[in-house]
């Protein structure tokens, strides 16, 4: 794989509207060359057709319990611990304007 040149880095910097000086171009050219080399190595490892698509490294299975209908908490019992209740509802301070 050919090395990325300073001219290519300068062209990419112009496209991205980045102002880079000469020292930054040299550093970024080396860094981008290492990154592209790593990507090329990964591409050589396997053929994508041989790898099944996965969303997790290990198989996962949802663990759920069956829904069981039970009686809910009575309103009076729910409101018993509230600092303020009014007309069978929790009373809270107003936080919005009347608009």
N, C-alpha and C. Protein backbone atom coordinates (compact mmCIF):
# COMPACT_ATOMS: atom_id res chain seq x y z
N UNK A 1 0.86 -1.19 0.00
CA UNK A 1 0.00 0.00 0.00
C UNK A 1 0.89 1.24 0.00
N UNK A 2 0.66 2.15 -0.94
CA UNK A 2 1.50 3.35 -1.02
C UNK A 2 1.27 4.27 0.17
N UNK A 3 2.35 4.96 0.55
CA UNK A 3 2.25 5.90 1.66
C UNK A 3 1.41 7.11 1.27
N UNK A 4 0.76 7.69 2.25
CA UNK A 4 0.02 8.92 2.01
C UNK A 4 1.03 10.07 2.02
N UNK A 5 0.92 10.96 1.07
CA UNK A 5 1.91 12.03 0.92
C UNK A 5 1.46 13.30 1.63
N UNK A 6 2.42 14.19 1.84
CA UNK A 6 2.10 15.49 2.45
C UNK A 6 1.13 16.26 1.57
N UNK A 7 1.26 16.11 0.25
CA UNK A 7 0.36 16.82 -0.67
C UNK A 7 -1.07 16.33 -0.52
N UNK A 8 -1.22 15.00 -0.32
CA UNK A 8 -2.57 14.46 -0.10
C UNK A 8 -3.15 14.95 1.22
N UNK A 9 -2.33 15.02 2.25
CA UNK A 9 -2.79 15.53 3.54
C UNK A 9 -3.16 17.01 3.40
N UNK A 10 -2.35 17.77 2.68
CA UNK A 10 -2.65 19.19 2.48
C UNK A 10 -3.96 19.35 1.70
N UNK A 11 -4.18 18.48 0.71
CA UNK A 11 -5.42 18.54 -0.06
C UNK A 11 -6.62 18.23 0.84
N UNK A 12 -6.50 17.19 1.67
CA UNK A 12 -7.58 16.86 2.59
C UNK A 12 -7.83 17.99 3.58
N UNK A 13 -6.76 18.63 4.04
CA UNK A 13 -6.91 19.74 4.97
C UNK A 13 -7.63 20.91 4.31
N UNK A 14 -7.31 21.17 3.05
CA UNK A 14 -8.03 22.24 2.33
C UNK A 14 -9.51 21.90 2.18
N UNK A 15 -9.81 20.65 1.86
CA UNK A 15 -11.21 20.24 1.72
C UNK A 15 -11.96 20.39 3.04
N UNK A 16 -11.28 20.09 4.15
CA UNK A 16 -11.89 20.19 5.47
C UNK A 16 -11.79 21.60 6.04
N UNK A 17 -11.18 22.50 5.26
CA UNK A 17 -10.98 23.89 5.69
C UNK A 17 -10.19 23.97 6.99
N UNK A 18 -9.11 23.18 7.05
CA UNK A 18 -8.21 23.19 8.20
C UNK A 18 -6.94 23.92 7.81
N UNK A 19 -6.49 24.82 8.65
CA UNK A 19 -5.24 25.53 8.42
C UNK A 19 -4.13 24.76 9.16
N UNK A 20 -3.28 24.08 8.39
CA UNK A 20 -2.20 23.29 8.98
C UNK A 20 -0.86 23.85 8.53
N UNK A 21 0.10 23.92 9.46
CA UNK A 21 1.43 24.36 9.06
C UNK A 21 2.23 23.14 8.57
N UNK A 22 3.48 23.38 8.14
CA UNK A 22 4.29 22.32 7.54
C UNK A 22 4.57 21.18 8.54
N UNK A 23 4.83 21.51 9.78
CA UNK A 23 5.11 20.48 10.79
C UNK A 23 3.89 19.60 11.02
N UNK A 24 2.71 20.21 11.07
CA UNK A 24 1.48 19.44 11.27
C UNK A 24 1.21 18.52 10.09
N UNK A 25 1.52 18.98 8.88
CA UNK A 25 1.33 18.13 7.70
C UNK A 25 2.22 16.89 7.78
N UNK A 26 3.47 17.07 8.22
CA UNK A 26 4.37 15.92 8.34
C UNK A 26 3.86 14.92 9.38
N UNK A 27 3.44 15.43 10.53
CA UNK A 27 2.95 14.56 11.60
C UNK A 27 1.69 13.83 11.16
N UNK A 28 0.74 14.56 10.58
CA UNK A 28 -0.52 13.94 10.16
C UNK A 28 -0.32 12.94 9.03
N UNK A 29 0.63 13.20 8.13
CA UNK A 29 0.90 12.25 7.05
C UNK A 29 1.34 10.91 7.64
N UNK A 30 2.22 10.95 8.64
CA UNK A 30 2.65 9.71 9.28
C UNK A 30 1.53 9.01 10.02
N UNK A 31 0.74 9.79 10.75
CA UNK A 31 -0.36 9.20 11.52
C UNK A 31 -1.42 8.60 10.59
N UNK A 32 -1.78 9.30 9.54
CA UNK A 32 -2.77 8.77 8.60
C UNK A 32 -2.25 7.52 7.90
N UNK A 33 -0.94 7.48 7.62
CA UNK A 33 -0.36 6.30 7.00
C UNK A 33 -0.48 5.09 7.92
N UNK A 34 -0.27 5.28 9.22
CA UNK A 34 -0.41 4.19 10.19
C UNK A 34 -1.86 3.73 10.25
N UNK A 35 -2.79 4.67 10.28
CA UNK A 35 -4.22 4.33 10.34
C UNK A 35 -4.64 3.55 9.11
N UNK A 36 -4.24 4.02 7.93
CA UNK A 36 -4.63 3.33 6.70
C UNK A 36 -3.98 1.95 6.62
N UNK A 37 -2.78 1.81 7.15
CA UNK A 37 -2.14 0.50 7.18
C UNK A 37 -2.89 -0.47 8.08
N UNK A 38 -3.37 0.02 9.22
CA UNK A 38 -4.14 -0.84 10.13
C UNK A 38 -5.45 -1.27 9.48
N UNK A 39 -6.10 -0.36 8.78
CA UNK A 39 -7.35 -0.71 8.09
C UNK A 39 -7.07 -1.73 7.00
N UNK A 40 -5.98 -1.60 6.29
CA UNK A 40 -5.63 -2.56 5.25
C UNK A 40 -5.37 -3.93 5.85
N UNK A 41 -4.72 -4.00 7.01
CA UNK A 41 -4.48 -5.28 7.67
C UNK A 41 -5.79 -5.95 8.06
N UNK A 42 -6.73 -5.18 8.57
CA UNK A 42 -8.03 -5.73 8.95
C UNK A 42 -8.75 -6.27 7.73
N UNK A 43 -8.65 -5.56 6.61
CA UNK A 43 -9.32 -6.00 5.39
C UNK A 43 -8.73 -7.32 4.89
N UNK A 44 -7.46 -7.59 5.18
CA UNK A 44 -6.82 -8.82 4.71
C UNK A 44 -7.17 -10.03 5.57
N UNK A 45 -7.64 -9.82 6.79
CA UNK A 45 -7.84 -10.91 7.73
C UNK A 45 -8.88 -11.90 7.25
N UNK A 46 -10.01 -11.43 6.79
CA UNK A 46 -11.09 -12.34 6.43
C UNK A 46 -11.91 -11.77 5.29
N UNK A 47 -12.62 -12.67 4.68
CA UNK A 47 -13.57 -12.26 3.66
C UNK A 47 -14.90 -12.01 4.35
N UNK A 48 -15.52 -10.89 4.10
CA UNK A 48 -16.75 -10.52 4.79
C UNK A 48 -17.87 -11.53 4.54
N UNK A 49 -17.82 -12.27 3.46
CA UNK A 49 -18.87 -13.25 3.17
C UNK A 49 -18.82 -14.43 4.15
N UNK A 50 -17.65 -14.66 4.77
CA UNK A 50 -17.50 -15.78 5.69
C UNK A 50 -17.95 -15.44 7.11
N UNK A 51 -18.22 -14.17 7.39
CA UNK A 51 -18.54 -13.74 8.74
C UNK A 51 -20.03 -13.43 8.83
N UNK A 52 -20.76 -14.15 9.68
CA UNK A 52 -22.20 -13.83 9.81
C UNK A 52 -22.38 -12.51 10.56
N UNK A 53 -23.41 -11.74 10.19
CA UNK A 53 -23.65 -10.48 10.89
C UNK A 53 -24.05 -10.72 12.33
N UNK A 54 -23.50 -9.92 13.23
CA UNK A 54 -23.82 -10.04 14.65
C UNK A 54 -24.01 -8.66 15.24
N UNK A 55 -24.77 -8.60 16.31
CA UNK A 55 -24.92 -7.33 17.03
C UNK A 55 -24.21 -7.39 18.37
N UNK A 56 -23.84 -8.62 18.82
CA UNK A 56 -23.13 -8.81 20.08
C UNK A 56 -22.06 -9.88 19.89
N UNK A 57 -21.04 -9.80 20.70
CA UNK A 57 -19.96 -10.79 20.61
C UNK A 57 -20.40 -12.16 21.11
N UNK A 58 -21.31 -12.17 22.06
CA UNK A 58 -21.82 -13.44 22.59
C UNK A 58 -23.33 -13.49 22.37
N UNK A 59 -23.88 -14.68 22.19
CA UNK A 59 -25.33 -14.75 21.97
C UNK A 59 -26.09 -14.30 23.22
N UNK A 60 -27.11 -13.49 23.01
CA UNK A 60 -27.94 -13.01 24.10
C UNK A 60 -29.36 -13.49 23.90
N UNK A 61 -30.03 -13.68 25.01
CA UNK A 61 -31.42 -14.09 24.96
C UNK A 61 -32.18 -13.28 25.99
N UNK A 62 -33.31 -12.72 25.60
CA UNK A 62 -34.11 -11.96 26.55
C UNK A 62 -34.69 -12.90 27.60
N UNK A 63 -34.55 -12.51 28.85
CA UNK A 63 -35.11 -13.27 29.95
C UNK A 63 -36.27 -12.46 30.48
N UNK A 64 -37.46 -12.97 30.28
CA UNK A 64 -38.65 -12.26 30.72
C UNK A 64 -39.50 -13.19 31.57
N UNK A 65 -40.34 -12.60 32.36
CA UNK A 65 -41.27 -13.39 33.16
C UNK A 65 -42.66 -13.22 32.54
N UNK A 66 -43.51 -14.17 32.75
CA UNK A 66 -44.86 -14.03 32.19
C UNK A 66 -45.64 -12.94 32.92
N UNK A 67 -46.49 -12.24 32.19
CA UNK A 67 -47.33 -11.22 32.79
C UNK A 67 -48.42 -11.89 33.63
N UNK A 68 -48.55 -11.40 34.84
CA UNK A 68 -49.56 -11.93 35.74
C UNK A 68 -50.40 -10.75 36.21
N UNK A 69 -51.70 -10.84 36.07
CA UNK A 69 -52.59 -9.77 36.49
C UNK A 69 -52.78 -9.88 37.99
N UNK A 70 -52.47 -8.76 38.69
CA UNK A 70 -52.66 -8.71 40.14
C UNK A 70 -53.38 -7.41 40.46
N UNK A 71 -53.96 -7.36 41.64
CA UNK A 71 -54.66 -6.15 42.05
C UNK A 71 -53.64 -5.03 42.28
N UNK A 72 -53.99 -3.82 41.88
CA UNK A 72 -53.09 -2.70 42.06
C UNK A 72 -53.26 -2.09 43.44
N UNK A 73 -52.36 -1.19 43.77
CA UNK A 73 -52.41 -0.50 45.06
C UNK A 73 -53.63 0.42 45.09
N UNK A 74 -54.42 0.38 46.14
CA UNK A 74 -55.59 1.27 46.21
C UNK A 74 -55.13 2.74 46.24
N UNK A 75 -55.97 3.62 45.68
CA UNK A 75 -55.64 5.03 45.58
C UNK A 75 -55.33 5.63 46.94
N UNK A 76 -56.14 5.34 47.95
CA UNK A 76 -55.92 5.90 49.27
C UNK A 76 -54.57 5.47 49.85
N UNK A 77 -54.18 4.24 49.60
CA UNK A 77 -52.89 3.75 50.11
C UNK A 77 -51.74 4.44 49.39
N UNK A 78 -51.89 4.69 48.09
CA UNK A 78 -50.85 5.38 47.33
C UNK A 78 -50.70 6.82 47.79
N UNK A 79 -51.82 7.49 48.06
CA UNK A 79 -51.78 8.88 48.47
C UNK A 79 -51.43 9.06 49.94
N UNK A 80 -51.45 7.98 50.72
CA UNK A 80 -51.19 8.09 52.15
C UNK A 80 -49.79 8.60 52.45
N UNK A 81 -48.82 8.29 51.62
CA UNK A 81 -47.45 8.73 51.87
C UNK A 81 -47.10 10.04 51.20
N UNK A 82 -48.04 10.63 50.48
CA UNK A 82 -47.76 11.88 49.76
C UNK A 82 -47.77 13.06 50.72
N UNK A 83 -46.89 14.05 50.52
CA UNK A 83 -46.91 15.22 51.37
C UNK A 83 -48.19 16.04 51.21
N UNK A 84 -48.78 16.01 50.01
CA UNK A 84 -50.03 16.74 49.77
C UNK A 84 -50.86 16.01 48.73
N UNK A 85 -52.15 15.92 48.96
CA UNK A 85 -53.07 15.29 48.00
C UNK A 85 -54.31 16.17 47.89
N UNK A 86 -54.92 16.15 46.71
CA UNK A 86 -56.11 16.96 46.48
C UNK A 86 -56.99 16.26 45.45
N UNK A 87 -58.23 16.05 45.74
CA UNK A 87 -59.21 15.43 44.85
C UNK A 87 -58.72 14.08 44.32
N UNK A 88 -58.09 13.29 45.19
CA UNK A 88 -57.66 11.95 44.79
C UNK A 88 -56.41 11.93 43.93
N UNK A 89 -55.65 13.03 43.90
CA UNK A 89 -54.42 13.11 43.11
C UNK A 89 -53.29 13.70 43.95
N UNK A 90 -52.06 13.48 43.51
CA UNK A 90 -50.93 14.11 44.17
C UNK A 90 -50.97 15.61 43.88
N UNK A 91 -50.71 16.41 44.90
CA UNK A 91 -50.65 17.86 44.71
C UNK A 91 -49.17 18.24 44.62
N UNK A 92 -48.83 18.94 43.55
CA UNK A 92 -47.44 19.37 43.32
C UNK A 92 -47.44 20.86 43.02
N UNK A 93 -46.34 21.55 43.25
CA UNK A 93 -46.28 22.97 42.94
C UNK A 93 -46.34 23.22 41.43
N UNK A 94 -46.96 24.33 41.06
CA UNK A 94 -47.05 24.71 39.66
C UNK A 94 -45.67 25.12 39.15
N UNK A 95 -45.29 24.60 37.98
CA UNK A 95 -43.98 24.96 37.43
C UNK A 95 -44.08 25.65 36.08
N UNK A 96 -45.24 25.66 35.48
CA UNK A 96 -45.43 26.29 34.17
C UNK A 96 -46.35 27.49 34.30
N UNK A 97 -46.13 28.46 33.41
CA UNK A 97 -47.05 29.59 33.36
C UNK A 97 -48.40 29.14 32.82
N UNK A 98 -49.38 30.01 32.88
CA UNK A 98 -50.72 29.65 32.43
C UNK A 98 -50.87 29.73 30.92
N UNK A 99 -49.82 30.02 30.19
CA UNK A 99 -49.89 30.14 28.73
C UNK A 99 -50.15 28.82 28.08
